[in-house]
Amino acid sequence: MGRRKYDFYRKKNERPKTDKVCDHEGCTEPAYFKAPKDRTLTDYYWFCEKHIKEYNENWDFYRGLSDTEIEREISSSYVWDRPTRKFGTYDAHRNFLRAANFFDFFIALDDVKEHSERSSPSFFVPPDIADALKIMGLKMPITETSLKNRYKELAKTYHPDLNSGDKAGEEIFKEVSAAYRVLLKFIT
């Protein structure tokens, strides 16, 4: 019939053969169980069943540590021994806001359908963003550098200091500035 991959008939308490001898002083029984020598968990003793039970009863992982060190170890294990940071550092809040703003696209789909002439057919944007894009003369998708470059061009054209006394240019500059702030908030 062929050789079986597993021996299903082996008795439950039967142990496999081993060449190791119990590390307990004076014991010559075969060693099947390993136990750590210290907290580093890199070096091990090998014991028989009787002596592994004794060793486990007396071994303390936190032996030699002060109460504050033990407390630090325990609190560090709550977060899988990884460093934690306050919310708001490393741009975690910005990443969260970007993810949250992503869903604004789907919430505003009904509004965008009503104002479909304002957005490109392949990319839906909320109406206020579409208005700001129209004022700035941009189309989606935009980057922060393209937005800043376009704002600089329009500011040079319509800034009140460069157009002495032109009220229409001043109103256009106000609209451009407001649209720039809206779009900058949207992409960052």
C-alpha atoms as a PDB file:
ATOM      1  CA  MET A   1       0.000   0.000   0.000  1.00  0.00           C
ATOM      2  CA  GLY A   2       2.798   2.503   0.389  1.00  0.00           C
ATOM      3  CA  ARG A   3       4.267   4.484   3.199  1.00  0.00           C
ATOM      4  CA  ARG A   4       1.967   6.670   5.279  1.00  0.00           C
ATOM      5  CA  LYS A   5       2.849  10.272   5.775  1.00  0.00           C
ATOM      6  CA  TYR A   6       1.659  10.263   9.382  1.00  0.00           C
ATOM      7  CA  ASP A   7       1.625   7.518  11.967  1.00  0.00           C
ATOM      8  CA  PHE A   8      -1.976   7.741  13.152  1.00  0.00           C
ATOM      9  CA  TYR A   9      -1.582   4.784  15.469  1.00  0.00           C
ATOM     10  CA  ARG A  10       1.230   6.175  17.617  1.00  0.00           C
ATOM     11  CA  LYS A  11       0.226   6.373  21.246  1.00  0.00           C
ATOM     12  CA  LYS A  12      -0.603   9.754  22.670  1.00  0.00           C
ATOM     13  CA  ASN A  13       2.037   9.737  25.421  1.00  0.00           C
ATOM     14  CA  GLU A  14       4.805   8.305  23.294  1.00  0.00           C
ATOM     15  CA  ARG A  15       7.630  10.823  22.803  1.00  0.00           C
ATOM     16  CA  PRO A  16       9.932  11.055  19.767  1.00  0.00           C
ATOM     17  CA  LYS A  17      13.583  10.093  20.185  1.00  0.00           C
ATOM     18  CA  THR A  18      16.040  12.768  21.310  1.00  0.00           C
ATOM     19  CA  ASP A  19      19.775  12.987  21.884  1.00  0.00           C
ATOM     20  CA  LYS A  20      19.514  15.752  24.493  1.00  0.00           C
ATOM     21  CA  VAL A  21      19.895  15.049  28.177  1.00  0.00           C
ATOM     22  CA  CYS A  22      18.123  17.039  30.919  1.00  0.00           C
ATOM     23  CA  ASP A  23      20.158  20.093  32.040  1.00  0.00           C
ATOM     24  CA  HIS A  24      19.041  19.724  35.658  1.00  0.00           C
ATOM     25  CA  GLU A  25      21.936  18.739  37.894  1.00  0.00           C
ATOM     26  CA  GLY A  26      22.103  14.977  38.413  1.00  0.00           C
ATOM     27  CA  CYS A  27      19.300  14.105  35.970  1.00  0.00           C
ATOM     28  CA  THR A  28      19.999  11.757  33.043  1.00  0.00           C
ATOM     29  CA  GLU A  29      16.477  11.634  31.570  1.00  0.00           C
ATOM     30  CA  PRO A  30      15.970  12.598  27.894  1.00  0.00           C
ATOM     31  CA  ALA A  31      15.157  16.314  27.447  1.00  0.00           C
ATOM     32  CA  TYR A  32      12.155  17.201  25.309  1.00  0.00           C
ATOM     33  CA  PHE A  33      11.335  20.694  26.600  1.00  0.00           C
ATOM     34  CA  LYS A  34      13.286  23.914  26.248  1.00  0.00           C
ATOM     35  CA  ALA A  35      13.163  26.813  28.694  1.00  0.00           C
ATOM     36  CA  PRO A  36      14.751  30.277  28.428  1.00  0.00           C
ATOM     37  CA  LYS A  37      17.813  31.026  30.553  1.00  0.00           C
ATOM     38  CA  ASP A  38      17.088  34.764  30.854  1.00  0.00           C
ATOM     39  CA  ARG A  39      14.868  37.625  29.604  1.00  0.00           C
ATOM     40  CA  THR A  40      16.662  37.897  26.255  1.00  0.00           C
ATOM     41  CA  LEU A  41      15.086  34.593  25.179  1.00  0.00           C
ATOM     42  CA  THR A  42      18.112  33.727  23.069  1.00  0.00           C
ATOM     43  CA  ASP A  43      19.693  30.921  25.095  1.00  0.00           C
ATOM     44  CA  TYR A  44      17.790  27.894  26.426  1.00  0.00           C
ATOM     45  CA  TYR A  45      17.984  24.997  28.877  1.00  0.00           C
ATOM     46  CA  TRP A  46      16.639  21.568  27.938  1.00  0.00           C
ATOM     47  CA  PHE A  47      14.669  19.678  30.592  1.00  0.00           C
ATOM     48  CA  CYS A  48      12.740  16.479  31.102  1.00  0.00           C
ATOM     49  CA  GLU A  49       9.031  16.719  31.938  1.00  0.00           C
ATOM     50  CA  LYS A  50       9.536  16.645  35.699  1.00  0.00           C
ATOM     51  CA  HIS A  51      12.152  19.393  35.757  1.00  0.00           C
ATOM     52  CA  ILE A  52      10.443  21.666  33.217  1.00  0.00           C
ATOM     53  CA  LYS A  53       7.433  21.806  35.536  1.00  0.00           C
ATOM     54  CA  GLU A  54       9.663  22.799  38.458  1.00  0.00           C
ATOM     55  CA  TYR A  55      11.472  25.386  36.344  1.00  0.00           C
ATOM     56  CA  ASN A  56       8.236  26.949  35.074  1.00  0.00           C
ATOM     57  CA  GLU A  57       6.833  27.238  38.595  1.00  0.00           C
ATOM     58  CA  ASN A  58       9.875  29.189  39.781  1.00  0.00           C
ATOM     59  CA  TRP A  59      10.754  31.247  36.689  1.00  0.00           C
ATOM     60  CA  ASP A  60       9.825  34.949  36.717  1.00  0.00           C
ATOM     61  CA  PHE A  61      10.214  36.943  33.489  1.00  0.00           C
ATOM     62  CA  TYR A  62      10.333  40.234  35.422  1.00  0.00           C
ATOM     63  CA  ARG A  63      12.836  39.126  38.084  1.00  0.00           C
ATOM     64  CA  GLY A  64      15.397  41.841  38.811  1.00  0.00           C
ATOM     65  CA  LEU A  65      13.308  44.753  37.484  1.00  0.00           C
ATOM     66  CA  SER A  66      11.981  47.615  39.598  1.00  0.00           C
ATOM     67  CA  ASP A  67       8.257  48.353  39.814  1.00  0.00           C
ATOM     68  CA  THR A  68       8.538  51.279  37.377  1.00  0.00           C
ATOM     69  CA  GLU A  69      10.433  49.156  34.850  1.00  0.00           C
ATOM     70  CA  ILE A  70       7.794  46.436  35.108  1.00  0.00           C
ATOM     71  CA  GLU A  71       5.037  49.026  34.658  1.00  0.00           C
ATOM     72  CA  ARG A  72       6.815  50.427  31.576  1.00  0.00           C
ATOM     73  CA  GLU A  73       7.130  46.911  30.103  1.00  0.00           C
ATOM     74  CA  ILE A  74       3.454  46.196  30.670  1.00  0.00           C
ATOM     75  CA  SER A  75       2.243  49.529  29.239  1.00  0.00           C
ATOM     76  CA  SER A  76       4.520  49.087  26.224  1.00  0.00           C
ATOM     77  CA  SER A  77       2.963  45.703  25.526  1.00  0.00           C
ATOM     78  CA  TYR A  78      -0.467  47.358  25.131  1.00  0.00           C
ATOM     79  CA  VAL A  79       0.743  48.777  21.795  1.00  0.00           C
ATOM     80  CA  TRP A  80       2.781  45.726  20.769  1.00  0.00           C
ATOM     81  CA  ASP A  81       6.071  47.298  21.944  1.00  0.00           C
ATOM     82  CA  ARG A  82       5.936  49.979  19.247  1.00  0.00           C
ATOM     83  CA  PRO A  83       6.394  53.707  19.792  1.00  0.00           C
ATOM     84  CA  THR A  84       3.272  55.828  19.872  1.00  0.00           C
ATOM     85  CA  ARG A  85       2.872  59.485  18.982  1.00  0.00           C
ATOM     86  CA  LYS A  86       0.371  62.138  19.917  1.00  0.00           C
ATOM     87  CA  PHE A  87      -2.420  62.720  17.451  1.00  0.00           C
ATOM     88  CA  GLY A  88      -1.466  65.699  15.338  1.00  0.00           C
ATOM     89  CA  THR A  89       2.229  64.911  14.955  1.00  0.00           C
ATOM     90  CA  TYR A  90       3.820  63.537  11.810  1.00  0.00           C
ATOM     91  CA  ASP A  91       0.899  64.934   9.798  1.00  0.00           C
ATOM     92  CA  ALA A  92      -1.410  62.255  11.134  1.00  0.00           C
ATOM     93  CA  HIS A  93      -4.214  64.829  11.387  1.00  0.00           C
ATOM     94  CA  ARG A  94      -3.658  65.943   7.783  1.00  0.00           C
ATOM     95  CA  ASN A  95      -3.735  62.387   6.505  1.00  0.00           C
ATOM     96  CA  PHE A  96      -6.943  61.836   8.460  1.00  0.00           C
ATOM     97  CA  LEU A  97      -8.510  64.987   7.014  1.00  0.00           C
ATOM     98  CA  ARG A  98      -7.483  64.000   3.487  1.00  0.00           C
ATOM     99  CA  ALA A  99      -9.121  60.631   3.964  1.00  0.00           C
ATOM    100  CA  ALA A 100     -12.238  62.266   5.418  1.00  0.00           C
ATOM    101  CA  ASN A 101     -12.418  64.812   2.573  1.00  0.00           C
ATOM    102  CA  PHE A 102     -12.238  61.990   0.061  1.00  0.00           C
ATOM    103  CA  PHE A 103     -15.837  61.055   0.885  1.00  0.00           C
ATOM    104  CA  ASP A 104     -17.038  64.600   0.184  1.00  0.00           C
ATOM    105  CA  PHE A 105     -16.860  63.649  -3.490  1.00  0.00           C
ATOM    106  CA  PHE A 106     -19.520  60.995  -2.997  1.00  0.00           C
ATOM    107  CA  ILE A 107     -21.695  63.081  -0.699  1.00  0.00           C
ATOM    108  CA  ALA A 108     -21.812  65.922  -3.203  1.00  0.00           C
ATOM    109  CA  LEU A 109     -22.549  63.781  -6.267  1.00  0.00           C
ATOM    110  CA  ASP A 110     -26.164  64.946  -6.445  1.00  0.00           C
ATOM    111  CA  ASP A 111     -25.085  68.607  -6.373  1.00  0.00           C
ATOM    112  CA  VAL A 112     -22.474  67.939  -9.031  1.00  0.00           C
ATOM    113  CA  LYS A 113     -24.982  66.276 -11.337  1.00  0.00           C
ATOM    114  CA  GLU A 114     -27.039  69.476 -11.255  1.00  0.00           C
ATOM    115  CA  HIS A 115     -23.950  71.527 -12.099  1.00  0.00           C
ATOM    116  CA  SER A 116     -22.402  69.108 -14.589  1.00  0.00           C
ATOM    117  CA  GLU A 117     -21.259  71.886 -16.920  1.00  0.00           C
ATOM    118  CA  ARG A 118     -18.833  73.070 -14.216  1.00  0.00           C
ATOM    119  CA  SER A 119     -16.875  69.841 -13.930  1.00  0.00           C
ATOM    120  CA  SER A 120     -15.115  67.611 -16.384  1.00  0.00           C
ATOM    121  CA  PRO A 121     -17.030  64.451 -17.328  1.00  0.00           C
ATOM    122  CA  SER A 122     -14.346  62.144 -15.910  1.00  0.00           C
ATOM    123  CA  PHE A 123     -13.881  63.751 -12.477  1.00  0.00           C
ATOM    124  CA  PHE A 124     -16.678  64.857 -10.118  1.00  0.00           C
ATOM    125  CA  VAL A 125     -16.060  67.756  -7.740  1.00  0.00           C
ATOM    126  CA  PRO A 126     -18.302  69.637  -5.292  1.00  0.00           C
ATOM    127  CA  PRO A 127     -19.867  72.851  -6.632  1.00  0.00           C
ATOM    128  CA  ASP A 128     -17.750  75.250  -4.546  1.00  0.00           C
ATOM    129  CA  ILE A 129     -14.567  73.581  -5.816  1.00  0.00           C
ATOM    130  CA  ALA A 130     -15.883  73.698  -9.388  1.00  0.00           C
ATOM    131  CA  ASP A 131     -16.564  77.447  -9.023  1.00  0.00           C
ATOM    132  CA  ALA A 132     -13.060  78.027  -7.640  1.00  0.00           C
ATOM    133  CA  LEU A 133     -11.531  76.032 -10.500  1.00  0.00           C
ATOM    134  CA  LYS A 134     -13.488  78.110 -13.022  1.00  0.00           C
ATOM    135  CA  ILE A 135     -12.294  81.379 -11.436  1.00  0.00           C
ATOM    136  CA  MET A 136      -8.671  80.183 -11.431  1.00  0.00           C
ATOM    137  CA  GLY A 137      -8.962  78.808 -14.968  1.00  0.00           C
ATOM    138  CA  LEU A 138      -7.881  75.282 -13.945  1.00  0.00           C
ATOM    139  CA  LYS A 139      -9.238  71.785 -14.507  1.00  0.00           C
ATOM    140  CA  MET A 140      -9.031  68.734 -12.268  1.00  0.00           C
ATOM    141  CA  PRO A 141      -6.815  67.074 -11.257  1.00  0.00           C
ATOM    142  CA  ILE A 142      -4.590  69.824  -9.889  1.00  0.00           C
ATOM    143  CA  THR A 143      -1.423  69.836  -7.808  1.00  0.00           C
ATOM    144  CA  GLU A 144      -0.297  72.301  -5.193  1.00  0.00           C
ATOM    145  CA  THR A 145       2.503  73.628  -7.419  1.00  0.00           C
ATOM    146  CA  SER A 146       0.201  74.150 -10.420  1.00  0.00           C
ATOM    147  CA  LEU A 147      -2.273  75.976  -8.172  1.00  0.00           C
ATOM    148  CA  LYS A 148       0.441  78.229  -6.710  1.00  0.00           C
ATOM    149  CA  ASN A 149       1.876  79.000 -10.149  1.00  0.00           C
ATOM    150  CA  ARG A 150      -1.554  79.937 -11.513  1.00  0.00           C
ATOM    151  CA  TYR A 151      -2.249  82.112  -8.448  1.00  0.00           C
ATOM    152  CA  LYS A 152       1.044  83.979  -8.969  1.00  0.00           C
ATOM    153  CA  GLU A 153       0.136  84.654 -12.620  1.00  0.00           C
ATOM    154  CA  LEU A 154      -3.301  85.986 -11.730  1.00  0.00           C
ATOM    155  CA  ALA A 155      -1.994  88.012  -8.773  1.00  0.00           C
ATOM    156  CA  LYS A 156       0.532  89.737 -11.022  1.00  0.00           C
ATOM    157  CA  THR A 157      -2.251  90.566 -13.462  1.00  0.00           C
ATOM    158  CA  TYR A 158      -4.990  91.756 -11.069  1.00  0.00           C
ATOM    159  CA  HIS A 159      -3.227  92.902  -7.859  1.00  0.00           C
ATOM    160  CA  PRO A 160      -4.446  96.418  -6.839  1.00  0.00           C
ATOM    161  CA  ASP A 161      -0.908  97.720  -6.336  1.00  0.00           C
ATOM    162  CA  LEU A 162      -0.049  96.894  -9.944  1.00  0.00           C
ATOM    163  CA  ASN A 163      -3.341  98.261 -11.370  1.00  0.00           C
ATOM    164  CA  SER A 164      -3.649 101.659  -9.763  1.00  0.00           C
ATOM    165  CA  GLY A 165      -7.289 102.449  -9.139  1.00  0.00           C
ATOM    166  CA  ASP A 166      -8.849  99.684 -11.286  1.00  0.00           C
ATOM    167  CA  LYS A 167     -11.931  98.606  -9.266  1.00  0.00           C
ATOM    168  CA  ALA A 168     -12.818  95.736 -11.622  1.00  0.00           C
ATOM    169  CA  GLY A 169      -9.302  94.313 -11.300  1.00  0.00           C
ATOM    170  CA  GLU A 170      -9.509  94.625  -7.511  1.00  0.00           C
ATOM    171  CA  GLU A 171     -12.779  92.635  -7.423  1.00  0.00           C
ATOM    172  CA  ILE A 172     -11.287  89.949  -9.670  1.00  0.00           C
ATOM    173  CA  PHE A 173      -8.242  89.762  -7.375  1.00  0.00           C
ATOM    174  CA  LYS A 174     -10.544  89.233  -4.352  1.00  0.00           C
ATOM    175  CA  GLU A 175     -12.329  86.397  -6.156  1.00  0.00           C
ATOM    176  CA  VAL A 176      -9.014  84.846  -7.200  1.00  0.00           C
ATOM    177  CA  SER A 177      -7.696  85.036  -3.616  1.00  0.00           C
ATOM    178  CA  ALA A 178     -10.852  83.413  -2.219  1.00  0.00           C
ATOM    179  CA  ALA A 179     -10.743  80.681  -4.888  1.00  0.00           C
ATOM    180  CA  TYR A 180      -7.048  80.061  -4.137  1.00  0.00           C
ATOM    181  CA  ARG A 181      -7.791  79.560  -0.422  1.00  0.00           C
ATOM    182  CA  VAL A 182     -10.656  77.160  -1.186  1.00  0.00           C
ATOM    183  CA  LEU A 183      -8.559  75.078  -3.575  1.00  0.00           C
ATOM    184  CA  LEU A 184      -5.501  75.080  -1.326  1.00  0.00           C
ATOM    185  CA  LYS A 185      -7.621  73.806   1.566  1.00  0.00           C
ATOM    186  CA  PHE A 186      -9.112  71.196  -0.747  1.00  0.00           C
ATOM    187  CA  ILE A 187      -5.807  69.700  -1.942  1.00  0.00           C
ATOM    188  CA  THR A 188      -3.889  69.845   1.360  1.00  0.00           C
END
